[in-house]
Amino acid sequence: MIRHAGGTAKLKVDQRKETTPFNFVPVGEFAFKAGVAGFVERSNGETDGRVVIDGVRWVWLGE
């Protein structure tokens, strides 16, 4: 789940099926407001395997 300026986005990523040479899998573009808490939350709900997250990369795309 990603809480951002426009609300909350619930995403599912199954990297067992993902074929990418990159270390990070893009999950979307989200706007955040300065001074307002935003976050990424991972969950193991509705899974049939292990859930692991090594890191989250925030990239400034400008305004």
PDB file of N, CA and C in Angstrom:
ATOM      1  N   MET A   1       0.850  -1.157   0.000  1.00  0.00           N
ATOM      2  CA  MET A   1       0.000   0.000   0.000  1.00  0.00           C
ATOM      3  C   MET A   1       0.904   1.231   0.000  1.00  0.00           C
ATOM      4  N   ILE A   2       0.517   2.220  -0.778  1.00  0.00           N
ATOM      5  CA  ILE A   2       1.264   3.465  -0.851  1.00  0.00           C
ATOM      6  C   ILE A   2       0.322   4.610  -0.519  1.00  0.00           C
ATOM      7  N   ARG A   3       0.620   5.344   0.536  1.00  0.00           N
ATOM      8  CA  ARG A   3      -0.177   6.525   0.870  1.00  0.00           C
ATOM      9  C   ARG A   3       0.534   7.735   0.275  1.00  0.00           C
ATOM     10  N   HIS A   4      -0.174   8.459  -0.570  1.00  0.00           N
ATOM     11  CA  HIS A   4       0.404   9.595  -1.287  1.00  0.00           C
ATOM     12  C   HIS A   4      -0.573  10.763  -1.242  1.00  0.00           C
ATOM     13  N   ALA A   5      -0.237  11.863  -1.890  1.00  0.00           N
ATOM     14  CA  ALA A   5      -1.051  13.076  -1.830  1.00  0.00           C
ATOM     15  C   ALA A   5      -2.461  12.858  -2.373  1.00  0.00           C
ATOM     16  N   GLY A   6      -2.625  11.946  -3.305  1.00  0.00           N
ATOM     17  CA  GLY A   6      -3.936  11.705  -3.913  1.00  0.00           C
ATOM     18  C   GLY A   6      -4.756  10.635  -3.224  1.00  0.00           C
ATOM     19  N   GLY A   7      -4.244  10.032  -2.157  1.00  0.00           N
ATOM     20  CA  GLY A   7      -4.980   8.988  -1.454  1.00  0.00           C
ATOM     21  C   GLY A   7      -4.104   7.786  -1.169  1.00  0.00           C
ATOM     22  N   THR A   8      -4.650   6.605  -1.373  1.00  0.00           N
ATOM     23  CA  THR A   8      -3.938   5.360  -1.091  1.00  0.00           C
ATOM     24  C   THR A   8      -4.048   4.439  -2.297  1.00  0.00           C
ATOM     25  N   ALA A   9      -2.946   3.821  -2.665  1.00  0.00           N
ATOM     26  CA  ALA A   9      -2.925   2.863  -3.769  1.00  0.00           C
ATOM     27  C   ALA A   9      -2.543   1.496  -3.214  1.00  0.00           C
ATOM     28  N   LYS A  10      -3.321   0.479  -3.526  1.00  0.00           N
ATOM     29  CA  LYS A  10      -3.014  -0.879  -3.099  1.00  0.00           C
ATOM     30  C   LYS A  10      -2.516  -1.647  -4.318  1.00  0.00           C
ATOM     31  N   LEU A  11      -1.292  -2.129  -4.243  1.00  0.00           N
ATOM     32  CA  LEU A  11      -0.651  -2.794  -5.369  1.00  0.00           C
ATOM     33  C   LEU A  11      -0.233  -4.209  -4.999  1.00  0.00           C
ATOM     34  N   LYS A  12      -0.196  -5.074  -5.992  1.00  0.00           N
ATOM     35  CA  LYS A  12       0.332  -6.422  -5.803  1.00  0.00           C
ATOM     36  C   LYS A  12       1.451  -6.635  -6.811  1.00  0.00           C
ATOM     37  N   VAL A  13       2.592  -7.123  -6.330  1.00  0.00           N
ATOM     38  CA  VAL A  13       3.731  -7.400  -7.193  1.00  0.00           C
ATOM     39  C   VAL A  13       4.149  -8.839  -6.954  1.00  0.00           C
ATOM     40  N   ASP A  14       4.154  -9.635  -8.010  1.00  0.00           N
ATOM     41  CA  ASP A  14       4.624 -11.021  -7.925  1.00  0.00           C
ATOM     42  C   ASP A  14       5.920 -11.110  -8.716  1.00  0.00           C
ATOM     43  N   GLN A  15       7.039 -11.017  -8.022  1.00  0.00           N
ATOM     44  CA  GLN A  15       8.324 -11.008  -8.698  1.00  0.00           C
ATOM     45  C   GLN A  15       8.739 -12.387  -9.191  1.00  0.00           C
ATOM     46  N   ARG A  16       7.984 -13.410  -8.857  1.00  0.00           N
ATOM     47  CA  ARG A  16       8.281 -14.723  -9.420  1.00  0.00           C
ATOM     48  C   ARG A  16       7.974 -14.736 -10.909  1.00  0.00           C
ATOM     49  N   LYS A  17       7.082 -13.846 -11.329  1.00  0.00           N
ATOM     50  CA  LYS A  17       6.701 -13.776 -12.738  1.00  0.00           C
ATOM     51  C   LYS A  17       7.337 -12.583 -13.445  1.00  0.00           C
ATOM     52  N   GLU A  18       7.966 -11.707 -12.695  1.00  0.00           N
ATOM     53  CA  GLU A  18       8.568 -10.498 -13.258  1.00  0.00           C
ATOM     54  C   GLU A  18       9.873 -10.840 -13.959  1.00  0.00           C
ATOM     55  N   THR A  19      10.044 -10.333 -15.155  1.00  0.00           N
ATOM     56  CA  THR A  19      11.291 -10.544 -15.883  1.00  0.00           C
ATOM     57  C   THR A  19      11.906  -9.192 -16.197  1.00  0.00           C
ATOM     58  N   THR A  20      12.797  -8.755 -15.319  1.00  0.00           N
ATOM     59  CA  THR A  20      13.475  -7.470 -15.504  1.00  0.00           C
ATOM     60  C   THR A  20      14.915  -7.596 -15.025  1.00  0.00           C
ATOM     61  N   PRO A  21      15.848  -6.969 -15.719  1.00  0.00           N
ATOM     62  CA  PRO A  21      17.247  -7.008 -15.269  1.00  0.00           C
ATOM     63  C   PRO A  21      17.540  -5.972 -14.192  1.00  0.00           C
ATOM     64  N   PHE A  22      16.559  -5.156 -13.820  1.00  0.00           N
ATOM     65  CA  PHE A  22      16.783  -4.071 -12.878  1.00  0.00           C
ATOM     66  C   PHE A  22      16.577  -4.527 -11.439  1.00  0.00           C
ATOM     67  N   ASN A  23      17.286  -3.873 -10.520  1.00  0.00           N
ATOM     68  CA  ASN A  23      17.166  -4.200  -9.098  1.00  0.00           C
ATOM     69  C   ASN A  23      15.833  -3.749  -8.517  1.00  0.00           C
ATOM     70  N   PHE A  24      15.266  -2.678  -9.054  1.00  0.00           N
ATOM     71  CA  PHE A  24      14.006  -2.145  -8.561  1.00  0.00           C
ATOM     72  C   PHE A  24      12.932  -2.306  -9.626  1.00  0.00           C
ATOM     73  N   VAL A  25      11.765  -2.719  -9.215  1.00  0.00           N
ATOM     74  CA  VAL A  25      10.631  -2.859 -10.122  1.00  0.00           C
ATOM     75  C   VAL A  25       9.739  -1.636  -9.948  1.00  0.00           C
ATOM     76  N   PRO A  26       9.581  -0.802 -10.986  1.00  0.00           N
ATOM     77  CA  PRO A  26       8.716   0.377 -10.846  1.00  0.00           C
ATOM     78  C   PRO A  26       7.273  -0.040 -10.587  1.00  0.00           C
ATOM     79  N   VAL A  27       6.633   0.604  -9.626  1.00  0.00           N
ATOM     80  CA  VAL A  27       5.235   0.295  -9.322  1.00  0.00           C
ATOM     81  C   VAL A  27       4.317   1.485  -9.596  1.00  0.00           C
ATOM     82  N   GLY A  28       4.877   2.600 -10.055  1.00  0.00           N
ATOM     83  CA  GLY A  28       4.046   3.735 -10.405  1.00  0.00           C
ATOM     84  C   GLY A  28       4.672   5.056 -10.032  1.00  0.00           C
ATOM     85  N   GLU A  29       3.964   6.122 -10.389  1.00  0.00           N
ATOM     86  CA  GLU A  29       4.387   7.472 -10.037  1.00  0.00           C
ATOM     87  C   GLU A  29       3.329   8.080  -9.127  1.00  0.00           C
ATOM     88  N   PHE A  30       3.770   8.620  -7.999  1.00  0.00           N
ATOM     89  CA  PHE A  30       2.859   9.164  -7.006  1.00  0.00           C
ATOM     90  C   PHE A  30       3.370  10.509  -6.531  1.00  0.00           C
ATOM     91  N   ALA A  31       2.469  11.439  -6.301  1.00  0.00           N
ATOM     92  CA  ALA A  31       2.832  12.756  -5.782  1.00  0.00           C
ATOM     93  C   ALA A  31       2.726  12.748  -4.261  1.00  0.00           C
ATOM     94  N   PHE A  32       3.647  13.452  -3.618  1.00  0.00           N
ATOM     95  CA  PHE A  32       3.655  13.592  -2.165  1.00  0.00           C
ATOM     96  C   PHE A  32       3.726  15.071  -1.831  1.00  0.00           C
ATOM     97  N   LYS A  33       3.097  15.470  -0.730  1.00  0.00           N
ATOM     98  CA  LYS A  33       3.120  16.860  -0.296  1.00  0.00           C
ATOM     99  C   LYS A  33       4.117  17.033   0.832  1.00  0.00           C
ATOM    100  N   ALA A  34       4.868  18.131   0.786  1.00  0.00           N
ATOM    101  CA  ALA A  34       5.827  18.435   1.851  1.00  0.00           C
ATOM    102  C   ALA A  34       5.087  18.615   3.169  1.00  0.00           C
ATOM    103  N   GLY A  35       5.617  18.013   4.219  1.00  0.00           N
ATOM    104  CA  GLY A  35       5.030  18.153   5.540  1.00  0.00           C
ATOM    105  C   GLY A  35       3.879  17.209   5.824  1.00  0.00           C
ATOM    106  N   VAL A  36       3.473  16.423   4.844  1.00  0.00           N
ATOM    107  CA  VAL A  36       2.381  15.454   5.020  1.00  0.00           C
ATOM    108  C   VAL A  36       2.967  14.053   4.923  1.00  0.00           C
ATOM    109  N   ALA A  37       2.678  13.221   5.901  1.00  0.00           N
ATOM    110  CA  ALA A  37       3.252  11.882   5.937  1.00  0.00           C
ATOM    111  C   ALA A  37       2.766  11.035   4.769  1.00  0.00           C
ATOM    112  N   GLY A  38       3.703  10.400   4.117  1.00  0.00           N
ATOM    113  CA  GLY A  38       3.409   9.412   3.085  1.00  0.00           C
ATOM    114  C   GLY A  38       4.203   8.174   3.423  1.00  0.00           C
ATOM    115  N   PHE A  39       3.770   7.011   2.951  1.00  0.00           N
ATOM    116  CA  PHE A  39       4.512   5.804   3.294  1.00  0.00           C
ATOM    117  C   PHE A  39       4.243   4.675   2.309  1.00  0.00           C
ATOM    118  N   VAL A  40       5.112   3.685   2.379  1.00  0.00           N
ATOM    119  CA  VAL A  40       4.937   2.421   1.666  1.00  0.00           C
ATOM    120  C   VAL A  40       4.843   1.343   2.731  1.00  0.00           C
ATOM    121  N   GLU A  41       3.809   0.514   2.642  1.00  0.00           N
ATOM    122  CA  GLU A  41       3.607  -0.576   3.600  1.00  0.00           C
ATOM    123  C   GLU A  41       3.559  -1.888   2.834  1.00  0.00           C
ATOM    124  N   ARG A  42       4.295  -2.856   3.302  1.00  0.00           N
ATOM    125  CA  ARG A  42       4.241  -4.169   2.665  1.00  0.00           C
ATOM    126  C   ARG A  42       3.468  -5.109   3.573  1.00  0.00           C
ATOM    127  N   SER A  43       2.851  -6.106   2.959  1.00  0.00           N
ATOM    128  CA  SER A  43       2.028  -7.048   3.713  1.00  0.00           C
ATOM    129  C   SER A  43       2.177  -8.439   3.130  1.00  0.00           C
ATOM    130  N   ASN A  44       1.965  -9.450   3.952  1.00  0.00           N
ATOM    131  CA  ASN A  44       1.977 -10.814   3.451  1.00  0.00           C
ATOM    132  C   ASN A  44       0.568 -11.388   3.341  1.00  0.00           C
ATOM    133  N   GLY A  45      -0.446 -10.531   3.415  1.00  0.00           N
ATOM    134  CA  GLY A  45      -1.824 -10.975   3.257  1.00  0.00           C
ATOM    135  C   GLY A  45      -2.070 -11.468   1.835  1.00  0.00           C
ATOM    136  N   GLU A  46      -2.855 -12.496   1.694  1.00  0.00           N
ATOM    137  CA  GLU A  46      -3.222 -13.070   0.394  1.00  0.00           C
ATOM    138  C   GLU A  46      -2.015 -13.553  -0.405  1.00  0.00           C
ATOM    139  N   THR A  47      -1.006 -14.091   0.281  1.00  0.00           N
ATOM    140  CA  THR A  47       0.168 -14.613  -0.415  1.00  0.00           C
ATOM    141  C   THR A  47       0.262 -16.116  -0.229  1.00  0.00           C
ATOM    142  N   ASP A  48       1.045 -16.732  -1.096  1.00  0.00           N
ATOM    143  CA  ASP A  48       1.302 -18.162  -0.959  1.00  0.00           C
ATOM    144  C   ASP A  48       2.810 -18.414  -0.923  1.00  0.00           C
ATOM    145  N   GLY A  49       3.541 -17.405  -0.515  1.00  0.00           N
ATOM    146  CA  GLY A  49       4.993 -17.527  -0.445  1.00  0.00           C
ATOM    147  C   GLY A  49       5.545 -16.510   0.534  1.00  0.00           C
ATOM    148  N   ARG A  50       6.819 -16.310   0.447  1.00  0.00           N
ATOM    149  CA  ARG A  50       7.482 -15.365   1.334  1.00  0.00           C
ATOM    150  C   ARG A  50       7.363 -13.953   0.793  1.00  0.00           C
ATOM    151  N   VAL A  51       7.358 -12.999   1.702  1.00  0.00           N
ATOM    152  CA  VAL A  51       7.311 -11.585   1.341  1.00  0.00           C
ATOM    153  C   VAL A  51       8.582 -10.938   1.868  1.00  0.00           C
ATOM    154  N   VAL A  52       9.352 -10.352   0.961  1.00  0.00           N
ATOM    155  CA  VAL A  52      10.604  -9.720   1.336  1.00  0.00           C
ATOM    156  C   VAL A  52      10.690  -8.386   0.609  1.00  0.00           C
ATOM    157  N   ILE A  53      11.113  -7.367   1.320  1.00  0.00           N
ATOM    158  CA  ILE A  53      11.356  -6.072   0.694  1.00  0.00           C
ATOM    159  C   ILE A  53      12.714  -5.593   1.172  1.00  0.00           C
ATOM    160  N   ASP A  54      13.586  -5.312   0.224  1.00  0.00           N
ATOM    161  CA  ASP A  54      14.940  -4.871   0.557  1.00  0.00           C
ATOM    162  C   ASP A  54      15.022  -3.358   0.704  1.00  0.00           C
ATOM    163  N   GLY A  55      14.228  -2.660  -0.055  1.00  0.00           N
ATOM    164  CA  GLY A  55      14.306  -1.211  -0.005  1.00  0.00           C
ATOM    165  C   GLY A  55      13.281  -0.581  -0.921  1.00  0.00           C
ATOM    166  N   VAL A  56      13.102   0.699  -0.726  1.00  0.00           N
ATOM    167  CA  VAL A  56      12.214   1.495  -1.566  1.00  0.00           C
ATOM    168  C   VAL A  56      13.037   2.668  -2.070  1.00  0.00           C
ATOM    169  N   ARG A  57      12.952   2.908  -3.361  1.00  0.00           N
ATOM    170  CA  ARG A  57      13.715   4.024  -3.932  1.00  0.00           C
ATOM    171  C   ARG A  57      12.746   5.124  -4.326  1.00  0.00           C
ATOM    172  N   TRP A  58      12.973   6.311  -3.775  1.00  0.00           N
ATOM    173  CA  TRP A  58      12.175   7.497  -4.097  1.00  0.00           C
ATOM    174  C   TRP A  58      12.967   8.299  -5.119  1.00  0.00           C
ATOM    175  N   VAL A  59      12.349   8.661  -6.211  1.00  0.00           N
ATOM    176  CA  VAL A  59      13.025   9.407  -7.273  1.00  0.00           C
ATOM    177  C   VAL A  59      12.256  10.705  -7.528  1.00  0.00           C
ATOM    178  N   TRP A  60      12.945  11.829  -7.403  1.00  0.00           N
ATOM    179  CA  TRP A  60      12.347  13.128  -7.665  1.00  0.00           C
ATOM    180  C   TRP A  60      12.159  13.294  -9.168  1.00  0.00           C
ATOM    181  N   LEU A  61      10.927  13.529  -9.603  1.00  0.00           N
ATOM    182  CA  LEU A  61      10.641  13.707 -11.020  1.00  0.00           C
ATOM    183  C   LEU A  61      10.328  15.160 -11.365  1.00  0.00           C
ATOM    184  N   GLY A  62      10.390  16.025 -10.405  1.00  0.00           N
ATOM    185  CA  GLY A  62      10.070  17.423 -10.637  1.00  0.00           C
ATOM    186  C   GLY A  62       8.592  17.688 -10.388  1.00  0.00           C
ATOM    187  N   GLU A  63       8.170  18.881 -10.705  1.00  0.00           N
ATOM    188  CA  GLU A  63       6.779  19.260 -10.435  1.00  0.00           C
ATOM    189  C   GLU A  63       5.901  19.033 -11.621  1.00  0.00           C
TER     190      GLU A  63
END
